Amino acid sequence: MRRCTRRQRPSVTPQPYVVRLRRHLQQLTVALRHYPDLVDVLWLYDRAMLSNSSRDLLLEAAIGVERLLVQGSGENARRFRQYGAAIIYDAN
């Protein structure tokens, strides 16, 4: 068996899932440059997935979607919250 020195590294073909993961991380890096709030949205999504109740899951997911779709606190934000509250109320 041949030993590799520091300058010589064995050529290893990455597994398909590693290639996909690298591609997704590169895409995420590009997306974060264009939309810095994406970190908060992903955190809210993760928090929603860890929720114990379906109501909490829906609420956290709705807040994340709002952050993606609505900029600022104008009329669109008010409408989004109003309609979202009506949907959550109907679900109970």
N, C-alpha and C. Protein backbone atom coordinates (compact mmCIF):
# COMPACT_ATOMS: atom_id res chain seq x y z
N MET A 1 0.84 -1.17 0.00
CA MET A 1 0.00 0.00 0.00
C MET A 1 0.89 1.24 0.00
N ARG A 2 0.57 2.15 -0.88
CA ARG A 2 1.38 3.34 -1.04
C ARG A 2 0.90 4.43 -0.09
N ARG A 3 1.81 5.06 0.60
CA ARG A 3 1.45 6.15 1.51
C ARG A 3 1.46 7.47 0.75
N CYS A 4 0.55 8.34 1.13
CA CYS A 4 0.48 9.66 0.51
C CYS A 4 1.24 10.67 1.36
N THR A 5 2.01 11.49 0.69
CA THR A 5 2.66 12.57 1.40
C THR A 5 1.70 13.76 1.44
N ARG A 6 2.12 14.82 2.06
CA ARG A 6 1.23 15.99 2.15
C ARG A 6 0.93 16.58 0.77
N ARG A 7 1.84 16.50 -0.12
CA ARG A 7 1.62 17.08 -1.44
C ARG A 7 0.78 16.18 -2.32
N GLN A 8 0.83 14.91 -2.07
CA GLN A 8 0.05 13.97 -2.88
C GLN A 8 -1.19 13.56 -2.10
N ARG A 9 -2.31 13.83 -2.66
CA ARG A 9 -3.56 13.41 -2.03
C ARG A 9 -4.24 12.41 -2.94
N PRO A 10 -4.83 11.42 -2.37
CA PRO A 10 -5.53 10.44 -3.22
C PRO A 10 -6.74 11.11 -3.87
N SER A 11 -7.00 10.74 -5.10
CA SER A 11 -8.17 11.31 -5.76
C SER A 11 -9.40 10.49 -5.34
N VAL A 12 -10.33 11.20 -4.79
CA VAL A 12 -11.55 10.56 -4.29
C VAL A 12 -12.73 11.16 -5.02
N THR A 13 -13.55 10.33 -5.56
CA THR A 13 -14.76 10.81 -6.22
C THR A 13 -15.83 11.00 -5.15
N PRO A 14 -16.36 12.23 -5.01
CA PRO A 14 -17.36 12.45 -3.98
C PRO A 14 -18.66 11.70 -4.28
N GLN A 15 -19.32 11.30 -3.24
CA GLN A 15 -20.62 10.63 -3.37
C GLN A 15 -21.63 11.62 -3.96
N PRO A 16 -22.67 11.11 -4.64
CA PRO A 16 -23.66 12.01 -5.25
C PRO A 16 -24.31 12.96 -4.24
N TYR A 17 -24.56 12.50 -3.02
CA TYR A 17 -25.20 13.38 -2.05
C TYR A 17 -24.27 14.52 -1.63
N VAL A 18 -22.96 14.29 -1.65
CA VAL A 18 -22.01 15.34 -1.33
C VAL A 18 -22.00 16.39 -2.43
N VAL A 19 -22.06 15.95 -3.66
CA VAL A 19 -22.11 16.88 -4.79
C VAL A 19 -23.37 17.73 -4.71
N ARG A 20 -24.52 17.10 -4.41
CA ARG A 20 -25.78 17.85 -4.29
C ARG A 20 -25.71 18.84 -3.12
N LEU A 21 -25.15 18.40 -2.01
CA LEU A 21 -25.03 19.28 -0.85
C LEU A 21 -24.17 20.49 -1.16
N ARG A 22 -23.06 20.28 -1.84
CA ARG A 22 -22.21 21.41 -2.23
C ARG A 22 -22.96 22.39 -3.12
N ARG A 23 -23.69 21.84 -4.09
CA ARG A 23 -24.46 22.70 -4.99
C ARG A 23 -25.52 23.51 -4.23
N HIS A 24 -26.21 22.86 -3.29
CA HIS A 24 -27.24 23.56 -2.51
C HIS A 24 -26.62 24.63 -1.62
N LEU A 25 -25.46 24.35 -1.04
CA LEU A 25 -24.80 25.35 -0.21
C LEU A 25 -24.33 26.54 -1.03
N GLN A 26 -23.87 26.29 -2.25
CA GLN A 26 -23.49 27.39 -3.13
C GLN A 26 -24.71 28.24 -3.50
N GLN A 27 -25.83 27.59 -3.78
CA GLN A 27 -27.05 28.32 -4.10
C GLN A 27 -27.54 29.12 -2.90
N LEU A 28 -27.41 28.55 -1.71
CA LEU A 28 -27.81 29.26 -0.50
C LEU A 28 -26.94 30.49 -0.28
N THR A 29 -25.65 30.37 -0.54
CA THR A 29 -24.74 31.50 -0.40
C THR A 29 -25.13 32.64 -1.33
N VAL A 30 -25.47 32.30 -2.57
CA VAL A 30 -25.91 33.32 -3.54
C VAL A 30 -27.22 33.95 -3.08
N ALA A 31 -28.15 33.13 -2.61
CA ALA A 31 -29.44 33.64 -2.16
C ALA A 31 -29.27 34.57 -0.96
N LEU A 32 -28.36 34.25 -0.06
CA LEU A 32 -28.15 35.09 1.12
C LEU A 32 -27.58 36.46 0.75
N ARG A 33 -26.81 36.51 -0.33
CA ARG A 33 -26.30 37.81 -0.79
C ARG A 33 -27.44 38.70 -1.27
N HIS A 34 -28.44 38.11 -1.91
CA HIS A 34 -29.56 38.88 -2.46
C HIS A 34 -30.67 39.12 -1.43
N TYR A 35 -30.80 38.22 -0.46
CA TYR A 35 -31.88 38.31 0.51
C TYR A 35 -31.35 37.94 1.90
N PRO A 36 -30.77 38.93 2.61
CA PRO A 36 -30.15 38.63 3.91
C PRO A 36 -31.13 38.14 4.97
N ASP A 37 -32.42 38.44 4.85
CA ASP A 37 -33.42 37.98 5.83
C ASP A 37 -33.67 36.48 5.73
N LEU A 38 -33.09 35.83 4.75
CA LEU A 38 -33.32 34.40 4.55
C LEU A 38 -32.86 33.58 5.76
N VAL A 39 -31.84 34.02 6.45
CA VAL A 39 -31.38 33.31 7.65
C VAL A 39 -32.50 33.27 8.68
N ASP A 40 -33.17 34.41 8.89
CA ASP A 40 -34.28 34.46 9.84
C ASP A 40 -35.44 33.58 9.40
N VAL A 41 -35.71 33.57 8.11
CA VAL A 41 -36.80 32.75 7.57
C VAL A 41 -36.50 31.27 7.79
N LEU A 42 -35.27 30.86 7.52
CA LEU A 42 -34.89 29.46 7.74
C LEU A 42 -34.94 29.10 9.21
N TRP A 43 -34.59 30.03 10.09
CA TRP A 43 -34.67 29.78 11.52
C TRP A 43 -36.13 29.58 11.93
N LEU A 44 -37.03 30.40 11.38
CA LEU A 44 -38.46 30.25 11.69
C LEU A 44 -38.99 28.92 11.16
N TYR A 45 -38.54 28.51 9.99
CA TYR A 45 -38.96 27.22 9.44
C TYR A 45 -38.50 26.08 10.35
N ASP A 46 -37.24 26.16 10.79
CA ASP A 46 -36.73 25.13 11.69
C ASP A 46 -37.52 25.10 13.00
N ARG A 47 -37.82 26.26 13.52
CA ARG A 47 -38.61 26.36 14.75
C ARG A 47 -40.01 25.79 14.55
N ALA A 48 -40.59 26.04 13.37
CA ALA A 48 -41.92 25.49 13.07
C ALA A 48 -41.89 23.97 13.04
N MET A 49 -40.84 23.40 12.46
CA MET A 49 -40.75 21.95 12.38
C MET A 49 -40.57 21.28 13.74
N LEU A 50 -40.09 22.03 14.72
CA LEU A 50 -39.89 21.49 16.06
C LEU A 50 -41.09 21.73 16.98
N SER A 51 -42.13 22.39 16.46
CA SER A 51 -43.30 22.71 17.27
C SER A 51 -44.04 21.45 17.68
N ASN A 52 -44.61 21.50 18.87
CA ASN A 52 -45.36 20.36 19.38
C ASN A 52 -46.80 20.34 18.90
N SER A 53 -47.36 21.50 18.63
CA SER A 53 -48.76 21.54 18.20
C SER A 53 -48.86 22.03 16.76
N SER A 54 -49.91 21.62 16.11
CA SER A 54 -50.10 22.03 14.71
C SER A 54 -50.36 23.53 14.62
N ARG A 55 -50.97 24.12 15.65
CA ARG A 55 -51.22 25.56 15.65
C ARG A 55 -49.90 26.33 15.68
N ASP A 56 -48.96 25.90 16.54
CA ASP A 56 -47.65 26.55 16.61
C ASP A 56 -46.89 26.37 15.30
N LEU A 57 -46.97 25.18 14.73
CA LEU A 57 -46.31 24.93 13.45
C LEU A 57 -46.84 25.88 12.38
N LEU A 58 -48.14 26.02 12.31
CA LEU A 58 -48.76 26.90 11.31
C LEU A 58 -48.37 28.35 11.56
N LEU A 59 -48.37 28.77 12.81
CA LEU A 59 -48.03 30.15 13.14
C LEU A 59 -46.59 30.47 12.78
N GLU A 60 -45.65 29.64 13.16
CA GLU A 60 -44.24 29.88 12.84
C GLU A 60 -44.00 29.85 11.33
N ALA A 61 -44.63 28.91 10.65
CA ALA A 61 -44.48 28.84 9.19
C ALA A 61 -45.07 30.09 8.52
N ALA A 62 -46.21 30.56 9.02
CA ALA A 62 -46.84 31.76 8.45
C ALA A 62 -45.95 32.99 8.65
N ILE A 63 -45.32 33.10 9.81
CA ILE A 63 -44.41 34.22 10.05
C ILE A 63 -43.23 34.16 9.08
N GLY A 64 -42.71 32.97 8.85
CA GLY A 64 -41.61 32.82 7.89
C GLY A 64 -42.02 33.17 6.47
N VAL A 65 -43.20 32.73 6.07
CA VAL A 65 -43.69 33.05 4.72
C VAL A 65 -43.92 34.55 4.59
N GLU A 66 -44.43 35.16 5.65
CA GLU A 66 -44.62 36.62 5.63
C GLU A 66 -43.30 37.33 5.41
N ARG A 67 -42.25 36.88 6.10
CA ARG A 67 -40.93 37.50 5.94
C ARG A 67 -40.41 37.36 4.51
N LEU A 68 -40.77 36.24 3.85
CA LEU A 68 -40.34 36.04 2.47
C LEU A 68 -41.11 36.91 1.49
N LEU A 69 -42.41 37.02 1.71
CA LEU A 69 -43.28 37.64 0.71
C LEU A 69 -43.53 39.13 0.91
N VAL A 70 -43.52 39.60 2.15
CA VAL A 70 -43.93 40.97 2.44
C VAL A 70 -42.75 41.76 2.97
N GLN A 71 -42.44 42.85 2.33
CA GLN A 71 -41.37 43.73 2.79
C GLN A 71 -41.97 44.90 3.57
N GLY A 72 -41.37 45.24 4.69
CA GLY A 72 -41.80 46.40 5.45
C GLY A 72 -43.07 46.15 6.26
N SER A 73 -43.69 47.24 6.68
CA SER A 73 -44.88 47.13 7.52
C SER A 73 -46.04 47.94 6.95
N GLY A 74 -46.20 47.94 5.65
CA GLY A 74 -47.26 48.72 5.01
C GLY A 74 -48.56 47.96 4.88
N GLU A 75 -49.32 48.34 3.90
CA GLU A 75 -50.64 47.77 3.66
C GLU A 75 -50.59 46.26 3.38
N ASN A 76 -49.61 45.84 2.61
CA ASN A 76 -49.50 44.40 2.30
C ASN A 76 -49.25 43.57 3.55
N ALA A 77 -48.42 44.07 4.45
CA ALA A 77 -48.15 43.35 5.70
C ALA A 77 -49.42 43.25 6.54
N ARG A 78 -50.18 44.34 6.62
CA ARG A 78 -51.42 44.33 7.39
C ARG A 78 -52.40 43.32 6.81
N ARG A 79 -52.55 43.32 5.50
CA ARG A 79 -53.47 42.36 4.86
C ARG A 79 -53.02 40.92 5.08
N PHE A 80 -51.74 40.68 4.95
CA PHE A 80 -51.23 39.32 5.15
C PHE A 80 -51.54 38.84 6.55
N ARG A 81 -51.30 39.69 7.55
CA ARG A 81 -51.58 39.32 8.94
C ARG A 81 -53.06 39.11 9.17
N GLN A 82 -53.87 39.98 8.60
CA GLN A 82 -55.32 39.88 8.78
C GLN A 82 -55.86 38.58 8.19
N TYR A 83 -55.49 38.28 6.97
CA TYR A 83 -55.99 37.05 6.34
C TYR A 83 -55.41 35.81 7.00
N GLY A 84 -54.13 35.89 7.42
CA GLY A 84 -53.52 34.78 8.12
C GLY A 84 -54.21 34.50 9.44
N ALA A 85 -54.56 35.56 10.17
CA ALA A 85 -55.26 35.38 11.44
C ALA A 85 -56.62 34.73 11.21
N ALA A 86 -57.30 35.12 10.14
CA ALA A 86 -58.61 34.52 9.83
C ALA A 86 -58.47 33.04 9.51
N ILE A 87 -57.43 32.66 8.80
CA ILE A 87 -57.21 31.25 8.45
C ILE A 87 -56.91 30.44 9.71
N ILE A 88 -56.04 30.99 10.58
CA ILE A 88 -55.71 30.28 11.83
C ILE A 88 -56.94 30.15 12.70
N TYR A 89 -57.77 31.19 12.76
CA TYR A 89 -58.98 31.14 13.56
C TYR A 89 -59.94 30.06 13.04
N ASP A 90 -60.09 29.97 11.71
CA ASP A 90 -60.96 28.96 11.11
C ASP A 90 -60.47 27.55 11.39
N ALA A 91 -59.15 27.39 11.51
CA ALA A 91 -58.59 26.05 11.73
C ALA A 91 -58.92 25.53 13.13
N ASN A 92 -59.16 26.43 14.06
CA ASN A 92 -59.47 26.01 15.43
C ASN A 92 -60.96 25.77 15.52
